[in-house]
PDB file of N, CA and C in Angstrom:
ATOM      1  N   MET A   1      75.844 -43.517  98.066  1.00  0.00           N
ATOM      2  CA  MET A   1      76.645 -43.168  96.757  1.00  0.00           C
ATOM      3  C   MET A   1      78.098 -43.197  96.742  1.00  0.00           C
ATOM      4  N   GLY A   2      78.821 -42.968  98.563  1.00  0.00           N
ATOM      5  CA  GLY A   2      80.193 -42.438  98.356  1.00  0.00           C
ATOM      6  C   GLY A   2      81.096 -43.860  97.594  1.00  0.00           C
ATOM      7  N   ALA A   3      80.421 -45.041  97.992  1.00  0.00           N
ATOM      8  CA  ALA A   3      80.792 -46.358  97.474  1.00  0.00           C
ATOM      9  C   ALA A   3      80.797 -46.863  96.234  1.00  0.00           C
ATOM     10  N   ARG A   4      79.657 -46.227  95.476  1.00  0.00           N
ATOM     11  CA  ARG A   4      79.751 -46.183  94.389  1.00  0.00           C
ATOM     12  C   ARG A   4      80.860 -45.112  93.393  1.00  0.00           C
ATOM     13  N   LEU A   5      80.907 -43.936  93.663  1.00  0.00           N
ATOM     14  CA  LEU A   5      81.935 -42.793  93.457  1.00  0.00           C
ATOM     15  C   LEU A   5      83.217 -43.673  93.415  1.00  0.00           C
ATOM     16  N   GLY A   6      83.253 -44.229  94.683  1.00  0.00           N
ATOM     17  CA  GLY A   6      85.026 -44.988  95.072  1.00  0.00           C
ATOM     18  C   GLY A   6      85.058 -46.073  94.322  1.00  0.00           C
ATOM     19  N   ALA A   7      84.170 -46.894  93.862  1.00  0.00           N
ATOM     20  CA  ALA A   7      84.248 -47.938  92.958  1.00  0.00           C
ATOM     21  C   ALA A   7      84.756 -47.408  91.580  1.00  0.00           C
ATOM     22  N   LEU A   8      83.580 -46.461  91.148  1.00  0.00           N
ATOM     23  CA  LEU A   8      84.237 -45.490  90.027  1.00  0.00           C
ATOM     24  C   LEU A   8      85.773 -45.635  89.842  1.00  0.00           C
ATOM     25  N   THR A   9      86.149 -44.608  90.938  1.00  0.00           N
ATOM     26  CA  THR A   9      87.411 -44.509  90.844  1.00  0.00           C
ATOM     27  C   THR A   9      88.619 -45.135  90.651  1.00  0.00           C
ATOM     28  N   GLY A  10      87.906 -46.676  91.506  1.00  0.00           N
ATOM     29  CA  GLY A  10      88.767 -47.805  91.294  1.00  0.00           C
ATOM     30  C   GLY A  10      88.843 -48.087  90.143  1.00  0.00           C
ATOM     31  N   VAL A  11      87.554 -48.358  89.855  1.00  0.00           N
ATOM     32  CA  VAL A  11      88.068 -48.682  88.016  1.00  0.00           C
ATOM     33  C   VAL A  11      88.723 -48.065  87.525  1.00  0.00           C
ATOM     34  N   LEU A  12      88.368 -46.525  87.524  1.00  0.00           N
ATOM     35  CA  LEU A  12      89.544 -45.618  86.429  1.00  0.00           C
ATOM     36  C   LEU A  12      90.871 -45.667  86.927  1.00  0.00           C
ATOM     37  N   GLY A  13      91.094 -45.704  88.182  1.00  0.00           N
ATOM     38  CA  GLY A  13      92.482 -46.485  88.456  1.00  0.00           C
ATOM     39  C   GLY A  13      93.352 -47.660  88.356  1.00  0.00           C
ATOM     40  N   PHE A  14      92.344 -48.683  88.017  1.00  0.00           N
ATOM     41  CA  PHE A  14      93.085 -49.817  87.521  1.00  0.00           C
ATOM     42  C   PHE A  14      93.373 -49.478  86.306  1.00  0.00           C
ATOM     43  N   GLY A  15      92.538 -48.876  85.581  1.00  0.00           N
ATOM     44  CA  GLY A  15      92.221 -49.006  83.989  1.00  0.00           C
ATOM     45  C   GLY A  15      94.084 -47.930  83.758  1.00  0.00           C
ATOM     46  N   VAL A  16      94.083 -47.034  84.627  1.00  0.00           N
ATOM     47  CA  VAL A  16      95.528 -46.370  84.116  1.00  0.00           C
ATOM     48  C   VAL A  16      96.779 -47.533  84.436  1.00  0.00           C
ATOM     49  N   VAL A  17      96.472 -48.202  85.728  1.00  0.00           N
ATOM     50  CA  VAL A  17      97.362 -48.945  85.803  1.00  0.00           C
ATOM     51  C   VAL A  17      97.600 -50.149  84.909  1.00  0.00           C
ATOM     52  N   ALA A  18      96.585 -50.525  84.311  1.00  0.00           N
ATOM     53  CA  ALA A  18      96.788 -51.558  83.460  1.00  0.00           C
ATOM     54  C   ALA A  18      97.264 -51.224  81.738  1.00  0.00           C
ATOM     55  N   VAL A  19      96.644 -49.967  81.433  1.00  0.00           N
ATOM     56  CA  VAL A  19      97.143 -49.145  80.293  1.00  0.00           C
ATOM     57  C   VAL A  19      98.811 -49.070  80.342  1.00  0.00           C
ATOM     58  N   THR A  20      99.079 -48.536  81.399  1.00  0.00           N
ATOM     59  CA  THR A  20     100.577 -48.369  81.654  1.00  0.00           C
ATOM     60  C   THR A  20     101.346 -49.931  81.531  1.00  0.00           C
ATOM     61  N   LEU A  21     100.901 -50.891  82.296  1.00  0.00           N
ATOM     62  CA  LEU A  21     101.440 -52.169  82.160  1.00  0.00           C
ATOM     63  C   LEU A  21     101.364 -52.687  80.632  1.00  0.00           C
ATOM     64  N   ALA A  22     100.475 -52.110  80.242  1.00  0.00           N
ATOM     65  CA  ALA A  22     100.218 -52.917  78.761  1.00  0.00           C
ATOM     66  C   ALA A  22     101.098 -51.965  77.871  1.00  0.00           C
ATOM     67  N   LEU A  23     101.200 -51.014  78.028  1.00  0.00           N
ATOM     68  CA  LEU A  23     102.507 -49.968  77.218  1.00  0.00           C
ATOM     69  C   LEU A  23     103.788 -50.556  77.627  1.00  0.00           C
ATOM     70  N   TRP A  24     103.901 -50.729  79.148  1.00  0.00           N
ATOM     71  CA  TRP A  24     105.690 -51.078  79.427  1.00  0.00           C
ATOM     72  C   TRP A  24     105.718 -52.439  78.352  1.00  0.00           C
ATOM     73  N   THR A  25     104.774 -53.570  78.667  1.00  0.00           N
ATOM     74  CA  THR A  25     105.171 -54.965  78.280  1.00  0.00           C
ATOM     75  C   THR A  25     104.958 -54.619  76.698  1.00  0.00           C
ATOM     76  N   THR A  26     104.310 -53.922  75.926  1.00  0.00           N
ATOM     77  CA  THR A  26     104.744 -53.589  74.830  1.00  0.00           C
ATOM     78  C   THR A  26     105.835 -52.907  74.295  1.00  0.00           C
ATOM     79  N   PHE A  27     106.801 -52.108  74.737  1.00  0.00           N
ATOM     80  CA  PHE A  27     107.815 -51.407  74.374  1.00  0.00           C
ATOM     81  C   PHE A  27     108.896 -51.986  74.989  1.00  0.00           C
ATOM     82  N   ARG A  28     108.933 -52.937  75.731  1.00  0.00           N
ATOM     83  CA  ARG A  28     110.139 -53.906  76.400  1.00  0.00           C
ATOM     84  C   ARG A  28     109.790 -55.404  76.036  1.00  0.00           C
ATOM     85  N   SER A  29     110.819 -55.808  75.989  1.00  0.00           N
ATOM     86  CA  SER A  29     110.928 -57.187  75.887  1.00  0.00           C
ATOM     87  C   SER A  29     110.159 -58.399  76.869  1.00  0.00           C
ATOM     88  N   SER A  30     109.161 -58.810  75.994  1.00  0.00           N
ATOM     89  CA  SER A  30     108.564 -59.979  76.809  1.00  0.00           C
ATOM     90  C   SER A  30     109.607 -60.955  77.577  1.00  0.00           C
ATOM     91  N   LYS A  31     110.755 -61.438  77.276  1.00  0.00           N
ATOM     92  CA  LYS A  31     111.507 -61.867  77.593  1.00  0.00           C
ATOM     93  C   LYS A  31     112.021 -61.766  79.052  1.00  0.00           C
ATOM     94  N   ALA A  32     112.436 -60.183  78.690  1.00  0.00           N
ATOM     95  CA  ALA A  32     113.252 -60.018  79.644  1.00  0.00           C
ATOM     96  C   ALA A  32     112.077 -59.261  81.196  1.00  0.00           C
ATOM     97  N   ILE A  33     110.947 -59.026  80.696  1.00  0.00           N
ATOM     98  CA  ILE A  33     110.002 -59.031  82.085  1.00  0.00           C
ATOM     99  C   ILE A  33     109.526 -60.354  82.449  1.00  0.00           C
ATOM    100  N   HIS A  34     109.554 -61.718  81.539  1.00  0.00           N
ATOM    101  CA  HIS A  34     109.558 -63.019  82.248  1.00  0.00           C
ATOM    102  C   HIS A  34     110.499 -63.428  82.924  1.00  0.00           C
ATOM    103  N   ASP A  35     112.047 -63.147  82.492  1.00  0.00           N
ATOM    104  CA  ASP A  35     113.435 -63.253  83.239  1.00  0.00           C
ATOM    105  C   ASP A  35     113.359 -62.728  84.701  1.00  0.00           C
ATOM    106  N   ALA A  36     112.794 -61.423  84.664  1.00  0.00           N
ATOM    107  CA  ALA A  36     112.882 -60.720  86.196  1.00  0.00           C
ATOM    108  C   ALA A  36     112.147 -61.178  86.818  1.00  0.00           C
ATOM    109  N   LEU A  37     110.273 -61.555  86.098  1.00  0.00           N
ATOM    110  CA  LEU A  37     109.984 -61.665  87.296  1.00  0.00           C
ATOM    111  C   LEU A  37     109.946 -63.543  87.650  1.00  0.00           C
ATOM    112  N   LEU A  38     110.811 -63.942  86.677  1.00  0.00           N
ATOM    113  CA  LEU A  38     110.787 -65.397  87.462  1.00  0.00           C
ATOM    114  C   LEU A  38     111.863 -65.515  88.044  1.00  0.00           C
ATOM    115  N   ASN A  39     113.161 -64.801  87.981  1.00  0.00           N
ATOM    116  CA  ASN A  39     113.852 -64.075  89.068  1.00  0.00           C
ATOM    117  C   ASN A  39     113.509 -63.779  90.409  1.00  0.00           C
ATOM    118  N   TYR A  40     112.908 -62.867  90.364  1.00  0.00           N
ATOM    119  CA  TYR A  40     111.902 -62.664  92.019  1.00  0.00           C
ATOM    120  C   TYR A  40     111.458 -63.816  92.273  1.00  0.00           C
ATOM    121  N   ILE A  41     110.160 -64.640  91.547  1.00  0.00           N
ATOM    122  CA  ILE A  41     109.741 -65.794  92.204  1.00  0.00           C
ATOM    123  C   ILE A  41     110.869 -66.375  92.820  1.00  0.00           C
ATOM    124  N   GLN A  42     112.356 -66.943  91.661  1.00  0.00           N
ATOM    125  CA  GLN A  42     113.164 -67.835  92.316  1.00  0.00           C
ATOM    126  C   GLN A  42     113.771 -67.572  93.805  1.00  0.00           C
ATOM    127  N   GLN A  43     113.867 -65.965  94.114  1.00  0.00           N
ATOM    128  CA  GLN A  43     114.382 -65.545  95.459  1.00  0.00           C
ATOM    129  C   GLN A  43     113.508 -66.154  96.329  1.00  0.00           C
ATOM    130  N   TYR A  44     111.760 -65.650  96.051  1.00  0.00           N
ATOM    131  CA  TYR A  44     111.155 -65.786  97.303  1.00  0.00           C
ATOM    132  C   TYR A  44     110.985 -67.302  97.346  1.00  0.00           C
ATOM    133  N   ALA A  45     111.204 -68.384  96.328  1.00  0.00           N
ATOM    134  CA  ALA A  45     111.036 -69.752  96.862  1.00  0.00           C
ATOM    135  C   ALA A  45     112.256 -70.084  97.587  1.00  0.00           C
ATOM    136  N   ALA A  46     113.223 -69.440  97.404  1.00  0.00           N
ATOM    137  CA  ALA A  46     114.664 -69.914  97.894  1.00  0.00           C
ATOM    138  C   ALA A  46     114.351 -69.838  99.450  1.00  0.00           C
ATOM    139  N   HIS A  47     113.642 -68.854 100.304  1.00  0.00           N
ATOM    140  CA  HIS A  47     113.383 -68.566 101.511  1.00  0.00           C
ATOM    141  C   HIS A  47     111.720 -69.078 101.604  1.00  0.00           C
ATOM    142  N   SER A  48     111.031 -69.558 100.920  1.00  0.00           N
ATOM    143  CA  SER A  48     109.819 -70.162 101.257  1.00  0.00           C
ATOM    144  C   SER A  48     109.903 -71.135 101.874  1.00  0.00           C
ATOM    145  N   ALA A  49     109.084 -71.940 102.725  1.00  0.00           N
ATOM    146  CA  ALA A  49     108.965 -72.864 103.269  1.00  0.00           C
ATOM    147  C   ALA A  49     107.773 -73.904 102.421  1.00  0.00           C
ATOM    148  N   ASP A  50     107.085 -73.160 101.818  1.00  0.00           N
ATOM    149  CA  ASP A  50     105.805 -73.993 101.039  1.00  0.00           C
ATOM    150  C   ASP A  50     106.398 -75.066 100.080  1.00  0.00           C
ATOM    151  N   PRO A  51     105.277 -76.118 100.250  1.00  0.00           N
ATOM    152  CA  PRO A  51     106.356 -77.076  99.319  1.00  0.00           C
ATOM    153  C   PRO A  51     105.575 -77.137  97.993  1.00  0.00           C
ATOM    154  N   ARG A  52     104.478 -76.260  97.776  1.00  0.00           N
ATOM    155  CA  ARG A  52     103.858 -76.196  96.263  1.00  0.00           C
ATOM    156  C   ARG A  52     104.874 -75.142  95.533  1.00  0.00           C
ATOM    157  N   MET A  53     106.087 -74.689  95.706  1.00  0.00           N
ATOM    158  CA  MET A  53     106.543 -73.442  95.595  1.00  0.00           C
ATOM    159  C   MET A  53     107.023 -74.123  93.798  1.00  0.00           C
ATOM    160  N   PRO A  54     107.742 -75.252  94.242  1.00  0.00           N
ATOM    161  CA  PRO A  54     108.213 -75.846  92.767  1.00  0.00           C
ATOM    162  C   PRO A  54     107.219 -75.940  91.662  1.00  0.00           C
ATOM    163  N   GLN A  55     106.365 -76.174  92.113  1.00  0.00           N
ATOM    164  CA  GLN A  55     105.012 -76.413  91.285  1.00  0.00           C
ATOM    165  C   GLN A  55     104.502 -75.021  90.572  1.00  0.00           C
ATOM    166  N   VAL A  56     104.746 -74.224  91.335  1.00  0.00           N
ATOM    167  CA  VAL A  56     104.553 -72.387  90.854  1.00  0.00           C
ATOM    168  C   VAL A  56     105.674 -72.065  89.770  1.00  0.00           C
ATOM    169  N   LEU A  57     107.127 -72.373  90.267  1.00  0.00           N
ATOM    170  CA  LEU A  57     108.257 -72.500  89.032  1.00  0.00           C
ATOM    171  C   LEU A  57     107.884 -73.046  87.918  1.00  0.00           C
ATOM    172  N   GLU A  58     107.472 -74.055  88.296  1.00  0.00           N
ATOM    173  CA  GLU A  58     107.139 -75.036  86.572  1.00  0.00           C
ATOM    174  C   GLU A  58     105.777 -74.568  86.084  1.00  0.00           C
ATOM    175  N   LEU A  59     105.050 -73.808  86.588  1.00  0.00           N
ATOM    176  CA  LEU A  59     103.709 -73.256  85.590  1.00  0.00           C
ATOM    177  C   LEU A  59     104.265 -71.939  85.481  1.00  0.00           C
ATOM    178  N   PHE A  60     105.066 -71.399  86.178  1.00  0.00           N
ATOM    179  CA  PHE A  60     105.704 -69.702  85.374  1.00  0.00           C
ATOM    180  C   PHE A  60     106.392 -70.310  84.404  1.00  0.00           C
ATOM    181  N   ASN A  61     107.362 -71.145  84.470  1.00  0.00           N
ATOM    182  CA  ASN A  61     108.324 -71.415  82.978  1.00  0.00           C
ATOM    183  C   ASN A  61     107.180 -72.012  81.579  1.00  0.00           C
ATOM    184  N   THR A  62     106.067 -72.005  81.671  1.00  0.00           N
ATOM    185  CA  THR A  62     105.356 -72.363  80.412  1.00  0.00           C
ATOM    186  C   THR A  62     104.778 -71.043  79.855  1.00  0.00           C
ATOM    187  N   PRO A  63     104.559 -70.773  78.733  1.00  0.00           N
ATOM    188  CA  PRO A  63     103.920 -69.516  78.064  1.00  0.00           C
ATOM    189  C   PRO A  63     102.599 -69.565  78.804  1.00  0.00           C
ATOM    190  N   ALA A  64     101.867 -70.811  78.672  1.00  0.00           N
ATOM    191  CA  ALA A  64     100.301 -70.443  79.159  1.00  0.00           C
ATOM    192  C   ALA A  64     100.413 -70.192  80.620  1.00  0.00           C
ATOM    193  N   GLY A  65     101.418 -70.598  81.649  1.00  0.00           N
ATOM    194  CA  GLY A  65     100.884 -70.662  83.150  1.00  0.00           C
ATOM    195  C   GLY A  65     101.608 -69.001  83.168  1.00  0.00           C
ATOM    196  N   PHE A  66     102.547 -68.530  82.334  1.00  0.00           N
ATOM    197  CA  PHE A  66     102.718 -67.183  82.782  1.00  0.00           C
ATOM    198  C   PHE A  66     101.769 -66.438  82.141  1.00  0.00           C
ATOM    199  N   THR A  67     100.870 -66.235  81.212  1.00  0.00           N
ATOM    200  CA  THR A  67      99.724 -65.800  80.835  1.00  0.00           C
ATOM    201  C   THR A  67      98.748 -66.273  81.853  1.00  0.00           C
ATOM    202  N   PHE A  68      98.570 -67.090  82.545  1.00  0.00           N
ATOM    203  CA  PHE A  68      97.580 -67.458  83.509  1.00  0.00           C
ATOM    204  C   PHE A  68      97.517 -66.551  84.771  1.00  0.00           C
ATOM    205  N   ILE A  69      99.026 -66.682  85.414  1.00  0.00           N
ATOM    206  CA  ILE A  69      99.603 -65.870  86.303  1.00  0.00           C
ATOM    207  C   ILE A  69      99.482 -64.303  86.244  1.00  0.00           C
ATOM    208  N   MET A  70      99.566 -63.827  84.878  1.00  0.00           N
ATOM    209  CA  MET A  70      99.946 -62.250  84.714  1.00  0.00           C
ATOM    210  C   MET A  70      98.359 -62.097  84.601  1.00  0.00           C
ATOM    211  N   ILE A  71      97.053 -62.710  84.201  1.00  0.00           N
ATOM    212  CA  ILE A  71      95.929 -62.597  84.107  1.00  0.00           C
ATOM    213  C   ILE A  71      94.995 -62.642  85.418  1.00  0.00           C
ATOM    214  N   LEU A  72      95.727 -63.607  86.273  1.00  0.00           N
ATOM    215  CA  LEU A  72      95.233 -63.760  87.881  1.00  0.00           C
ATOM    216  C   LEU A  72      95.706 -62.602  88.392  1.00  0.00           C
ATOM    217  N   THR A  73      96.696 -61.975  88.226  1.00  0.00           N
ATOM    218  CA  THR A  73      97.144 -60.880  88.978  1.00  0.00           C
ATOM    219  C   THR A  73      96.705 -59.671  88.890  1.00  0.00           C
ATOM    220  N   LEU A  74      96.200 -59.406  87.309  1.00  0.00           N
ATOM    221  CA  LEU A  74      95.589 -58.136  87.202  1.00  0.00           C
ATOM    222  C   LEU A  74      94.244 -58.386  87.609  1.00  0.00           C
ATOM    223  N   ILE A  75      93.542 -59.473  87.923  1.00  0.00           N
ATOM    224  CA  ILE A  75      91.975 -59.763  88.155  1.00  0.00           C
ATOM    225  C   ILE A  75      92.065 -59.400  89.873  1.00  0.00           C
ATOM    226  N   MET A  76      93.145 -59.840  90.395  1.00  0.00           N
ATOM    227  CA  MET A  76      93.224 -59.523  91.918  1.00  0.00           C
ATOM    228  C   MET A  76      93.521 -58.144  92.262  1.00  0.00           C
ATOM    229  N   THR A  77      94.463 -57.202  91.240  1.00  0.00           N
ATOM    230  CA  THR A  77      94.409 -55.968  91.363  1.00  0.00           C
ATOM    231  C   THR A  77      93.110 -55.259  91.020  1.00  0.00           C
ATOM    232  N   LEU A  78      92.401 -55.646  89.972  1.00  0.00           N
ATOM    233  CA  LEU A  78      90.945 -54.768  90.334  1.00  0.00           C
ATOM    234  C   LEU A  78      90.486 -55.288  91.663  1.00  0.00           C
ATOM    235  N   ALA A  79      90.273 -56.395  91.773  1.00  0.00           N
ATOM    236  CA  ALA A  79      89.604 -56.622  93.028  1.00  0.00           C
ATOM    237  C   ALA A  79      89.928 -55.942  94.219  1.00  0.00           C
ATOM    238  N   ALA A  80      91.071 -55.722  94.073  1.00  0.00           N
ATOM    239  CA  ALA A  80      91.870 -54.565  95.276  1.00  0.00           C
ATOM    240  C   ALA A  80      91.678 -53.192  95.105  1.00  0.00           C
ATOM    241  N   PHE A  81      91.392 -52.879  93.905  1.00  0.00           N
ATOM    242  CA  PHE A  81      91.287 -51.685  93.748  1.00  0.00           C
ATOM    243  C   PHE A  81      89.690 -51.168  93.828  1.00  0.00           C
ATOM    244  N   LEU A  82      88.814 -51.927  93.701  1.00  0.00           N
ATOM    245  CA  LEU A  82      87.483 -51.740  93.627  1.00  0.00           C
ATOM    246  C   LEU A  82      87.297 -51.916  95.332  1.00  0.00           C
ATOM    247  N   VAL A  83      87.590 -52.720  95.828  1.00  0.00           N
ATOM    248  CA  VAL A  83      87.346 -53.062  97.361  1.00  0.00           C
ATOM    249  C   VAL A  83      87.774 -51.728  98.009  1.00  0.00           C
ATOM    250  N   PHE A  84      89.201 -51.373  97.781  1.00  0.00           N
ATOM    251  CA  PHE A  84      89.637 -50.484  98.750  1.00  0.00           C
ATOM    252  C   PHE A  84      88.929 -48.643  98.403  1.00  0.00           C
ATOM    253  N   SER A  85      89.146 -48.630  97.175  1.00  0.00           N
ATOM    254  CA  SER A  85      88.302 -47.440  96.908  1.00  0.00           C
ATOM    255  C   SER A  85      86.718 -47.321  96.964  1.00  0.00           C
ATOM    256  N   SER A  86      86.379 -48.499  96.962  1.00  0.00           N
ATOM    257  CA  SER A  86      84.352 -48.489  97.574  1.00  0.00           C
ATOM    258  C   SER A  86      84.547 -47.720  99.255  1.00  0.00           C
ATOM    259  N   LEU A  87      85.183 -48.560  99.888  1.00  0.00           N
ATOM    260  CA  LEU A  87      85.449 -48.725 101.463  1.00  0.00           C
ATOM    261  C   LEU A  87      85.910 -46.922 101.236  1.00  0.00           C
ATOM    262  N   GLY A  88      87.011 -46.755 100.903  1.00  0.00           N
ATOM    263  CA  GLY A  88      87.242 -44.964 101.000  1.00  0.00           C
ATOM    264  C   GLY A  88      86.260 -44.121 100.866  1.00  0.00           C
ATOM    265  N   GLY A  89      85.351 -44.496  99.717  1.00  0.00           N
ATOM    266  CA  GLY A  89      84.263 -43.590  99.218  1.00  0.00           C
ATOM    267  C   GLY A  89      83.219 -43.767 100.379  1.00  0.00           C
ATOM    268  N   ALA A  90      82.828 -44.955 100.687  1.00  0.00           N
ATOM    269  CA  ALA A  90      81.967 -44.930 101.582  1.00  0.00           C
ATOM    270  C   ALA A  90      82.016 -44.439 103.078  1.00  0.00           C
ATOM    271  N   LEU A  91      83.780 -44.672 103.542  1.00  0.00           N
ATOM    272  CA  LEU A  91      83.785 -43.576 104.511  1.00  0.00           C
ATOM    273  C   LEU A  91      84.121 -42.542 104.375  1.00  0.00           C
ATOM    274  N   GLY A  92      84.661 -41.955 103.639  1.00  0.00           N
ATOM    275  CA  GLY A  92      84.635 -40.104 103.212  1.00  0.00           C
ATOM    276  C   GLY A  92      82.852 -39.681 102.961  1.00  0.00           C
ATOM    277  N   ALA A  93      82.481 -40.428 102.326  1.00  0.00           N
ATOM    278  CA  ALA A  93      80.738 -40.392 102.456  1.00  0.00           C
ATOM    279  C   ALA A  93      80.325 -40.036 103.999  1.00  0.00           C
ATOM    280  N   PHE A  94      80.560 -41.133 104.742  1.00  0.00           N
ATOM    281  CA  PHE A  94      80.080 -40.931 106.041  1.00  0.00           C
ATOM    282  C   PHE A  94      80.588 -40.022 107.102  1.00  0.00           C
ATOM    283  N   LEU A  95      81.886 -39.609 106.836  1.00  0.00           N
ATOM    284  CA  LEU A  95      82.579 -38.636 107.456  1.00  0.00           C
ATOM    285  C   LEU A  95      82.081 -37.375 107.292  1.00  0.00           C
ATOM    286  N   LEU A  96      81.745 -37.207 105.813  1.00  0.00           N
ATOM    287  CA  LEU A  96      81.941 -35.775 105.559  1.00  0.00           C
ATOM    288  C   LEU A  96      80.443 -35.341 105.434  1.00  0.00           C
ATOM    289  N   TYR A  97      79.355 -36.545 105.743  1.00  0.00           N
ATOM    290  CA  TYR A  97      78.176 -36.279 105.809  1.00  0.00           C
ATOM    291  C   TYR A  97      77.578 -35.310 106.768  1.00  0.00           C
ATOM    292  N   ARG A  98      76.806 -34.081 106.116  1.00  0.00           N
ATOM    293  CA  ARG A  98      76.084 -32.987 107.057  1.00  0.00           C
ATOM    294  C   ARG A  98      74.914 -33.218 107.366  1.00  0.00           C
ATOM    295  N   LYS A  99      74.055 -33.381 108.217  1.00  0.00           N
ATOM    296  CA  LYS A  99      72.722 -33.164 108.110  1.00  0.00           C
ATOM    297  C   LYS A  99      72.398 -31.639 107.868  1.00  0.00           C
ATOM    298  N   GLY A 100      70.828 -31.817 107.141  1.00  0.00           N
ATOM    299  CA  GLY A 100      70.452 -30.367 106.638  1.00  0.00           C
ATOM    300  C   GLY A 100      71.032 -29.652 105.395  1.00  0.00           C
ATOM    301  N   ARG A 101      71.878 -30.413 104.844  1.00  0.00           N
ATOM    302  CA  ARG A 101      72.869 -30.179 103.421  1.00  0.00           C
ATOM    303  C   ARG A 101      72.419 -30.882 102.549  1.00  0.00           C
ATOM    304  N   LEU A 102      72.053 -30.527 101.141  1.00  0.00           N
ATOM    305  CA  LEU A 102      71.536 -31.236 100.076  1.00  0.00           C
ATOM    306  C   LEU A 102      72.341 -31.685  99.259  1.00  0.00           C
TER     307      LEU A 102
END
């Protein structure tokens, strides 16, 4: 039951983050957001030894690639919220469970 409650909390938390992100991108220029993220990725790529980084930069420069990366990031964020919230709920239920209580 604790894991279910934690998962529900994770979904609600993700909803708050997603709505905040949607409002932020609505009221800011998408070009400014794209440029800021591209700048961050380019700085990371300069220090990375991964040979696939130029492919990531090329993908990020296309509108479809940018959309794909943003959707993938949201899905990974949802998964992280669900996993960590469920684990926290299960751990909390385990630690706070008292025998003889209903």
